[in-house]
Amino acid sequence: MTIFVPYDGTTVSSAALERAQSLAYSLDEPVVVSTVVPRDRENALDHEWITADETFDAKAIVSRFEARVASLAPTAEFRPIVLAGRAQSGSIARRLRDVARENGATLVVVGSDNIGRFVRPVNTVGGRVAARLDTDLYVVQETKAEYAPIADE
């Protein structure tokens, strides 16, 4: 079994990553984490991956994610994907599904603020990843900690 976590640095995805690390430790299974970084300054600002006075630098963003993943899930394998340009509709979820399949994921762990309104968090990238994979889905909705924006790494 491989546990897969789509990760974007948000509080809920950070909580999902921590939960996946705990599951992996208990089950003695590997964790694969993937982040998709579009080459889009506005998107990076919206997600707080960079600050307003920073120049967009995909390598720097990936390094920040790598550091955050290592701090939350030290045994996880981090698989970043940098897109050539802006993300087209559905392309982020498609890329994440590809990583999950390539690594034989049998469990997807996602964070969602919407689980109270939806049975499946379909309006999230994580939900769209899990919806088209033949895997179990573990949805993390409760976070006990606040995580600083990736830009602060």
N, C-alpha and C. Protein backbone atom coordinates (compact mmCIF):
# COMPACT_ATOMS: atom_id res chain seq x y z
N MET A 1 0.85 -1.17 0.00
CA MET A 1 0.00 0.00 0.00
C MET A 1 0.89 1.23 0.00
N THR A 2 0.51 2.25 -0.73
CA THR A 2 1.16 3.56 -0.69
C THR A 2 0.09 4.59 -0.37
N ILE A 3 0.41 5.48 0.53
CA ILE A 3 -0.50 6.55 0.90
C ILE A 3 -0.11 7.79 0.10
N PHE A 4 -1.06 8.37 -0.59
CA PHE A 4 -0.80 9.53 -1.44
C PHE A 4 -1.49 10.76 -0.87
N VAL A 5 -0.75 11.89 -0.85
CA VAL A 5 -1.30 13.13 -0.34
C VAL A 5 -1.06 14.25 -1.36
N PRO A 6 -2.13 14.80 -1.95
CA PRO A 6 -1.98 16.01 -2.74
C PRO A 6 -1.81 17.17 -1.77
N TYR A 7 -0.79 17.99 -1.98
CA TYR A 7 -0.44 18.99 -0.97
C TYR A 7 -0.28 20.37 -1.59
N ASP A 8 -0.97 21.36 -1.00
CA ASP A 8 -0.86 22.73 -1.51
C ASP A 8 -0.46 23.75 -0.44
N GLY A 9 -0.09 23.27 0.74
CA GLY A 9 0.37 24.15 1.79
C GLY A 9 -0.70 24.76 2.67
N THR A 10 -1.97 24.51 2.36
CA THR A 10 -3.04 25.05 3.19
C THR A 10 -3.08 24.33 4.54
N THR A 11 -3.82 24.92 5.46
CA THR A 11 -3.95 24.32 6.78
C THR A 11 -4.53 22.91 6.69
N VAL A 12 -5.58 22.73 5.88
CA VAL A 12 -6.19 21.40 5.81
C VAL A 12 -5.28 20.40 5.10
N SER A 13 -4.54 20.82 4.09
CA SER A 13 -3.65 19.86 3.44
C SER A 13 -2.45 19.54 4.33
N SER A 14 -2.04 20.49 5.17
CA SER A 14 -0.97 20.22 6.13
C SER A 14 -1.44 19.23 7.19
N ALA A 15 -2.67 19.40 7.65
CA ALA A 15 -3.23 18.44 8.61
C ALA A 15 -3.36 17.06 7.97
N ALA A 16 -3.77 17.02 6.71
CA ALA A 16 -3.89 15.74 5.99
C ALA A 16 -2.52 15.07 5.89
N LEU A 17 -1.49 15.85 5.62
CA LEU A 17 -0.15 15.29 5.51
C LEU A 17 0.32 14.73 6.85
N GLU A 18 0.06 15.44 7.93
CA GLU A 18 0.42 14.93 9.24
C GLU A 18 -0.33 13.63 9.56
N ARG A 19 -1.62 13.60 9.22
CA ARG A 19 -2.42 12.40 9.45
C ARG A 19 -1.90 11.23 8.62
N ALA A 20 -1.54 11.50 7.38
CA ALA A 20 -0.99 10.46 6.50
C ALA A 20 0.32 9.91 7.08
N GLN A 21 1.15 10.81 7.62
CA GLN A 21 2.41 10.37 8.23
C GLN A 21 2.12 9.44 9.41
N SER A 22 1.13 9.78 10.22
CA SER A 22 0.76 8.92 11.36
C SER A 22 0.26 7.56 10.88
N LEU A 23 -0.59 7.57 9.86
CA LEU A 23 -1.09 6.31 9.30
C LEU A 23 0.06 5.47 8.75
N ALA A 24 0.95 6.11 8.03
CA ALA A 24 2.09 5.40 7.43
C ALA A 24 2.96 4.76 8.50
N TYR A 25 3.17 5.49 9.58
CA TYR A 25 3.96 4.96 10.68
C TYR A 25 3.27 3.74 11.29
N SER A 26 1.97 3.86 11.53
CA SER A 26 1.21 2.76 12.13
C SER A 26 1.14 1.53 11.23
N LEU A 27 1.00 1.77 9.94
CA LEU A 27 0.83 0.68 8.98
C LEU A 27 2.14 0.23 8.34
N ASP A 28 3.22 0.92 8.63
CA ASP A 28 4.52 0.66 8.02
C ASP A 28 4.42 0.72 6.50
N GLU A 29 3.84 1.81 6.02
CA GLU A 29 3.65 2.02 4.58
C GLU A 29 4.28 3.33 4.15
N PRO A 30 4.66 3.45 2.89
CA PRO A 30 5.26 4.70 2.41
C PRO A 30 4.21 5.78 2.13
N VAL A 31 4.65 7.02 2.20
CA VAL A 31 3.82 8.17 1.86
C VAL A 31 4.48 8.89 0.68
N VAL A 32 3.66 9.20 -0.30
CA VAL A 32 4.10 10.00 -1.44
C VAL A 32 3.27 11.28 -1.43
N VAL A 33 3.95 12.39 -1.52
CA VAL A 33 3.32 13.71 -1.48
C VAL A 33 3.64 14.42 -2.78
N SER A 34 2.63 15.06 -3.36
CA SER A 34 2.89 15.80 -4.59
C SER A 34 2.23 17.16 -4.54
N THR A 35 2.95 18.12 -5.08
CA THR A 35 2.48 19.49 -5.21
C THR A 35 2.64 19.89 -6.67
N VAL A 36 1.64 20.54 -7.21
CA VAL A 36 1.72 21.07 -8.57
C VAL A 36 1.87 22.58 -8.48
N VAL A 37 2.93 23.08 -9.11
CA VAL A 37 3.20 24.52 -9.10
C VAL A 37 3.07 25.05 -10.53
N PRO A 38 1.97 25.75 -10.82
CA PRO A 38 1.85 26.40 -12.12
C PRO A 38 2.78 27.61 -12.18
N ARG A 39 3.27 27.92 -13.35
CA ARG A 39 4.10 29.14 -13.51
C ARG A 39 3.15 30.32 -13.67
N ASP A 40 2.63 30.76 -12.54
CA ASP A 40 1.60 31.78 -12.53
C ASP A 40 1.75 32.60 -11.24
N ARG A 41 2.28 33.79 -11.37
CA ARG A 41 2.54 34.64 -10.21
C ARG A 41 1.28 34.92 -9.40
N GLU A 42 0.17 35.21 -10.08
CA GLU A 42 -1.08 35.52 -9.37
C GLU A 42 -1.55 34.33 -8.55
N ASN A 43 -1.47 33.15 -9.12
CA ASN A 43 -1.85 31.93 -8.40
C ASN A 43 -0.96 31.74 -7.17
N ALA A 44 0.33 31.96 -7.34
CA ALA A 44 1.27 31.81 -6.22
C ALA A 44 0.97 32.83 -5.11
N LEU A 45 0.61 34.05 -5.51
CA LEU A 45 0.22 35.06 -4.52
C LEU A 45 -1.07 34.67 -3.81
N ASP A 46 -2.06 34.22 -4.58
CA ASP A 46 -3.34 33.81 -4.00
C ASP A 46 -3.18 32.68 -2.99
N HIS A 47 -2.27 31.76 -3.27
CA HIS A 47 -2.05 30.63 -2.38
C HIS A 47 -1.03 30.92 -1.27
N GLU A 48 -0.51 32.15 -1.27
CA GLU A 48 0.49 32.58 -0.29
C GLU A 48 1.77 31.74 -0.37
N TRP A 49 2.13 31.39 -1.60
CA TRP A 49 3.40 30.69 -1.83
C TRP A 49 4.53 31.68 -1.97
N ILE A 50 4.20 32.92 -2.31
CA ILE A 50 5.17 34.01 -2.39
C ILE A 50 4.53 35.25 -1.76
N THR A 51 5.36 36.21 -1.41
CA THR A 51 4.85 37.48 -0.90
C THR A 51 4.72 38.47 -2.05
N ALA A 52 4.01 39.55 -1.81
CA ALA A 52 3.74 40.54 -2.85
C ALA A 52 5.01 41.18 -3.40
N ASP A 53 6.06 41.25 -2.61
CA ASP A 53 7.29 41.88 -3.07
C ASP A 53 8.29 40.89 -3.67
N GLU A 54 7.92 39.62 -3.77
CA GLU A 54 8.80 38.60 -4.33
C GLU A 54 8.58 38.41 -5.82
N THR A 55 9.63 38.04 -6.51
CA THR A 55 9.55 37.63 -7.90
C THR A 55 9.16 36.15 -7.92
N PHE A 56 8.37 35.76 -8.90
CA PHE A 56 8.00 34.36 -9.01
C PHE A 56 9.23 33.53 -9.34
N ASP A 57 9.51 32.52 -8.55
CA ASP A 57 10.63 31.61 -8.76
C ASP A 57 10.15 30.22 -8.40
N ALA A 58 9.88 29.41 -9.41
CA ALA A 58 9.34 28.06 -9.19
C ALA A 58 10.27 27.22 -8.33
N LYS A 59 11.58 27.33 -8.55
CA LYS A 59 12.53 26.53 -7.76
C LYS A 59 12.47 26.90 -6.29
N ALA A 60 12.33 28.19 -6.00
CA ALA A 60 12.24 28.63 -4.61
C ALA A 60 10.94 28.12 -3.96
N ILE A 61 9.85 28.16 -4.72
CA ILE A 61 8.58 27.66 -4.20
C ILE A 61 8.67 26.17 -3.91
N VAL A 62 9.24 25.41 -4.84
CA VAL A 62 9.41 23.97 -4.64
C VAL A 62 10.28 23.70 -3.42
N SER A 63 11.34 24.47 -3.23
CA SER A 63 12.21 24.31 -2.06
C SER A 63 11.45 24.54 -0.76
N ARG A 64 10.58 25.55 -0.76
CA ARG A 64 9.77 25.82 0.43
C ARG A 64 8.82 24.66 0.72
N PHE A 65 8.19 24.16 -0.34
CA PHE A 65 7.31 23.00 -0.15
C PHE A 65 8.09 21.80 0.36
N GLU A 66 9.25 21.58 -0.22
CA GLU A 66 10.08 20.45 0.20
C GLU A 66 10.41 20.53 1.68
N ALA A 67 10.75 21.73 2.14
CA ALA A 67 11.06 21.92 3.56
C ALA A 67 9.83 21.68 4.44
N ARG A 68 8.68 22.18 4.01
CA ARG A 68 7.45 21.98 4.79
C ARG A 68 7.08 20.50 4.85
N VAL A 69 7.14 19.82 3.72
CA VAL A 69 6.82 18.39 3.68
C VAL A 69 7.76 17.63 4.60
N ALA A 70 9.04 17.94 4.54
CA ALA A 70 10.03 17.25 5.39
C ALA A 70 9.75 17.49 6.87
N SER A 71 9.26 18.67 7.22
CA SER A 71 8.98 18.95 8.63
C SER A 71 7.71 18.25 9.11
N LEU A 72 6.72 18.09 8.24
CA LEU A 72 5.46 17.47 8.63
C LEU A 72 5.46 15.95 8.48
N ALA A 73 6.19 15.46 7.49
CA ALA A 73 6.21 14.02 7.20
C ALA A 73 7.63 13.63 6.79
N PRO A 74 8.52 13.48 7.74
CA PRO A 74 9.93 13.26 7.44
C PRO A 74 10.24 12.04 6.57
N THR A 75 9.38 11.04 6.59
CA THR A 75 9.67 9.84 5.79
C THR A 75 9.01 9.87 4.42
N ALA A 76 8.25 10.90 4.14
CA ALA A 76 7.52 10.97 2.88
C ALA A 76 8.44 11.26 1.71
N GLU A 77 8.06 10.73 0.56
CA GLU A 77 8.74 11.05 -0.69
C GLU A 77 7.99 12.22 -1.33
N PHE A 78 8.69 13.29 -1.63
CA PHE A 78 8.08 14.48 -2.21
C PHE A 78 8.28 14.48 -3.71
N ARG A 79 7.18 14.61 -4.45
CA ARG A 79 7.21 14.60 -5.91
C ARG A 79 6.60 15.89 -6.45
N PRO A 80 7.40 16.98 -6.55
CA PRO A 80 6.85 18.23 -7.07
C PRO A 80 6.70 18.18 -8.59
N ILE A 81 5.73 18.93 -9.08
CA ILE A 81 5.51 19.06 -10.52
C ILE A 81 5.41 20.55 -10.82
N VAL A 82 6.27 21.04 -11.69
CA VAL A 82 6.21 22.43 -12.10
C VAL A 82 5.67 22.47 -13.52
N LEU A 83 4.55 23.16 -13.69
CA LEU A 83 3.94 23.27 -15.01
C LEU A 83 4.67 24.30 -15.86
N ALA A 84 4.59 24.15 -17.15
CA ALA A 84 5.25 25.07 -18.08
C ALA A 84 4.60 26.45 -18.07
N GLY A 85 3.34 26.53 -17.73
CA GLY A 85 2.61 27.79 -17.71
C GLY A 85 1.50 27.74 -16.70
N ARG A 86 0.45 28.47 -16.98
CA ARG A 86 -0.72 28.45 -16.10
C ARG A 86 -1.41 27.10 -16.18
N ALA A 87 -2.12 26.77 -15.13
CA ALA A 87 -2.84 25.49 -15.09
C ALA A 87 -4.13 25.59 -15.89
N GLN A 88 -4.33 24.64 -16.78
CA GLN A 88 -5.59 24.53 -17.51
C GLN A 88 -6.59 23.83 -16.61
N SER A 89 -7.87 23.98 -16.89
CA SER A 89 -8.91 23.35 -16.09
C SER A 89 -8.68 21.84 -16.00
N GLY A 90 -8.61 21.34 -14.80
CA GLY A 90 -8.44 19.90 -14.57
C GLY A 90 -7.02 19.39 -14.65
N SER A 91 -6.06 20.23 -15.06
CA SER A 91 -4.70 19.73 -15.26
C SER A 91 -3.99 19.41 -13.95
N ILE A 92 -4.27 20.16 -12.90
CA ILE A 92 -3.61 19.88 -11.62
C ILE A 92 -4.07 18.53 -11.08
N ALA A 93 -5.37 18.31 -11.05
CA ALA A 93 -5.89 17.02 -10.57
C ALA A 93 -5.38 15.88 -11.43
N ARG A 94 -5.33 16.07 -12.74
CA ARG A 94 -4.84 15.01 -13.65
C ARG A 94 -3.38 14.67 -13.35
N ARG A 95 -2.56 15.68 -13.15
CA ARG A 95 -1.14 15.43 -12.84
C ARG A 95 -0.99 14.70 -11.50
N LEU A 96 -1.78 15.11 -10.52
CA LEU A 96 -1.71 14.45 -9.21
C LEU A 96 -2.16 13.00 -9.30
N ARG A 97 -3.23 12.74 -10.06
CA ARG A 97 -3.67 11.35 -10.25
C ARG A 97 -2.58 10.52 -10.90
N ASP A 98 -1.87 11.10 -11.86
CA ASP A 98 -0.78 10.38 -12.52
C ASP A 98 0.28 9.97 -11.51
N VAL A 99 0.66 10.88 -10.61
CA VAL A 99 1.65 10.57 -9.60
C VAL A 99 1.13 9.47 -8.68
N ALA A 100 -0.12 9.57 -8.28
CA ALA A 100 -0.71 8.55 -7.41
C ALA A 100 -0.67 7.18 -8.08
N ARG A 101 -1.06 7.13 -9.35
CA ARG A 101 -1.05 5.85 -10.08
C ARG A 101 0.36 5.31 -10.25
N GLU A 102 1.29 6.18 -10.64
CA GLU A 102 2.68 5.76 -10.84
C GLU A 102 3.28 5.15 -9.58
N ASN A 103 2.80 5.59 -8.43
CA ASN A 103 3.35 5.11 -7.16
C ASN A 103 2.49 4.05 -6.49
N GLY A 104 1.48 3.56 -7.20
CA GLY A 104 0.65 2.49 -6.67
C GLY A 104 -0.15 2.86 -5.45
N ALA A 105 -0.65 4.08 -5.41
CA ALA A 105 -1.41 4.53 -4.24
C ALA A 105 -2.67 3.69 -4.04
N THR A 106 -2.88 3.28 -2.81
CA THR A 106 -4.10 2.57 -2.46
C THR A 106 -4.94 3.35 -1.46
N LEU A 107 -4.39 4.46 -1.00
CA LEU A 107 -5.12 5.35 -0.09
C LEU A 107 -4.73 6.78 -0.43
N VAL A 108 -5.73 7.64 -0.59
CA VAL A 108 -5.51 9.07 -0.81
C VAL A 108 -6.00 9.79 0.44
N VAL A 109 -5.14 10.63 1.00
CA VAL A 109 -5.50 11.41 2.18
C VAL A 109 -5.58 12.87 1.75
N VAL A 110 -6.76 13.46 1.91
CA VAL A 110 -6.96 14.86 1.52
C VAL A 110 -7.52 15.65 2.70
N GLY A 111 -7.26 16.93 2.67
CA GLY A 111 -7.86 17.83 3.64
C GLY A 111 -8.99 18.58 2.96
N SER A 112 -10.09 18.80 3.69
CA SER A 112 -11.21 19.50 3.12
C SER A 112 -11.97 20.28 4.18
N ASP A 113 -12.26 21.53 3.86
CA ASP A 113 -13.12 22.34 4.72
C ASP A 113 -14.59 22.06 4.43
N ASN A 114 -14.88 21.36 3.35
CA ASN A 114 -16.25 21.22 2.86
C ASN A 114 -16.94 19.91 3.22
N ILE A 115 -16.33 19.06 3.98
CA ILE A 115 -16.90 17.74 4.19
C ILE A 115 -18.27 17.80 4.86
N GLY A 116 -18.54 18.83 5.61
CA GLY A 116 -19.86 18.96 6.23
C GLY A 116 -20.96 19.24 5.23
N ARG A 117 -20.61 19.79 4.08
CA ARG A 117 -21.61 20.12 3.07
C ARG A 117 -21.68 19.09 1.95
N PHE A 118 -20.63 18.30 1.78
CA PHE A 118 -20.58 17.32 0.70
C PHE A 118 -20.14 15.97 1.24
N VAL A 119 -20.65 14.92 0.67
CA VAL A 119 -20.19 13.59 1.05
C VAL A 119 -18.76 13.40 0.56
N ARG A 120 -18.48 13.87 -0.63
CA ARG A 120 -17.13 13.80 -1.18
C ARG A 120 -16.72 15.22 -1.53
N PRO A 121 -15.51 15.63 -1.17
CA PRO A 121 -15.09 17.00 -1.43
C PRO A 121 -14.76 17.21 -2.90
N VAL A 122 -15.77 17.15 -3.77
CA VAL A 122 -15.53 17.19 -5.21
C VAL A 122 -15.08 18.55 -5.71
N ASN A 123 -15.33 19.60 -4.96
CA ASN A 123 -14.92 20.91 -5.44
C ASN A 123 -13.49 21.26 -5.05
N THR A 124 -12.75 20.30 -4.51
CA THR A 124 -11.35 20.50 -4.20
C THR A 124 -10.50 19.69 -5.16
N VAL A 125 -9.28 20.11 -5.34
CA VAL A 125 -8.37 19.34 -6.20
C VAL A 125 -8.20 17.94 -5.63
N GLY A 126 -8.04 17.83 -4.32
CA GLY A 126 -7.89 16.52 -3.70
C GLY A 126 -9.08 15.62 -3.96
N GLY A 127 -10.27 16.18 -3.90
CA GLY A 127 -11.48 15.41 -4.19
C GLY A 127 -11.52 14.94 -5.63
N ARG A 128 -11.09 15.81 -6.55
CA ARG A 128 -11.06 15.43 -7.97
C ARG A 128 -9.99 14.38 -8.23
N VAL A 129 -8.91 14.41 -7.46
CA VAL A 129 -7.88 13.38 -7.59
C VAL A 129 -8.46 12.04 -7.18
N ALA A 130 -9.06 12.00 -6.00
CA ALA A 130 -9.58 10.75 -5.47
C ALA A 130 -10.76 10.22 -6.25
N ALA A 131 -11.55 11.10 -6.85
CA ALA A 131 -12.77 10.68 -7.55
C ALA A 131 -12.48 9.77 -8.73
N ARG A 132 -11.32 9.88 -9.31
CA ARG A 132 -11.00 9.07 -10.50
C ARG A 132 -9.91 8.05 -10.25
N LEU A 133 -9.70 7.72 -9.02
CA LEU A 133 -8.75 6.67 -8.67
C LEU A 133 -9.51 5.56 -7.96
N ASP A 134 -9.07 4.34 -8.18
CA ASP A 134 -9.67 3.20 -7.47
C ASP A 134 -8.93 2.99 -6.16
N THR A 135 -9.13 3.94 -5.25
CA THR A 135 -8.46 3.89 -3.95
C THR A 135 -9.44 4.25 -2.86
N ASP A 136 -9.04 3.97 -1.65
CA ASP A 136 -9.79 4.47 -0.50
C ASP A 136 -9.46 5.95 -0.34
N LEU A 137 -10.38 6.66 0.28
CA LEU A 137 -10.22 8.09 0.51
C LEU A 137 -10.37 8.37 1.99
N TYR A 138 -9.41 9.08 2.53
CA TYR A 138 -9.44 9.50 3.93
C TYR A 138 -9.47 11.02 3.91
N VAL A 139 -10.55 11.58 4.44
CA VAL A 139 -10.73 13.03 4.42
C VAL A 139 -10.47 13.58 5.82
N VAL A 140 -9.55 14.53 5.90
CA VAL A 140 -9.21 15.19 7.14
C VAL A 140 -9.89 16.55 7.14
N GLN A 141 -10.72 16.78 8.13
CA GLN A 141 -11.43 18.06 8.17
C GLN A 141 -11.06 18.90 9.38
N GLU A 142 -10.52 18.29 10.39
CA GLU A 142 -10.21 19.02 11.61
C GLU A 142 -8.72 19.31 11.69
N THR A 143 -8.41 20.56 11.94
CA THR A 143 -7.02 20.94 12.12
C THR A 143 -6.87 21.55 13.50
N LYS A 144 -5.85 21.14 14.19
CA LYS A 144 -5.62 21.64 15.53
C LYS A 144 -4.52 22.67 15.56
N ALA A 145 -3.84 22.82 14.46
CA ALA A 145 -2.73 23.76 14.42
C ALA A 145 -2.91 24.72 13.25
N GLU A 146 -2.29 25.84 13.35
CA GLU A 146 -2.23 26.78 12.24
C GLU A 146 -0.86 26.62 11.60
N TYR A 147 -0.82 26.74 10.31
CA TYR A 147 0.43 26.60 9.58
C TYR A 147 0.68 27.92 8.86
N ALA A 148 1.89 28.39 8.97
CA ALA A 148 2.25 29.64 8.30
C ALA A 148 2.19 29.44 6.80
N PRO A 149 1.92 30.48 6.05
CA PRO A 149 1.93 30.36 4.58
C PRO A 149 3.29 29.85 4.10
N ILE A 150 3.30 29.15 2.99
CA ILE A 150 4.53 28.62 2.39
C ILE A 150 5.52 29.77 2.15
N ALA A 151 5.03 30.95 1.83
CA ALA A 151 5.91 32.10 1.59
C ALA A 151 6.77 32.44 2.80
N ASP A 152 6.34 32.01 3.98
CA ASP A 152 7.09 32.31 5.21
C ASP A 152 8.19 31.30 5.49
N GLU A 153 8.30 30.26 4.68
CA GLU A 153 9.34 29.23 4.91
C GLU A 153 10.71 29.80 4.63
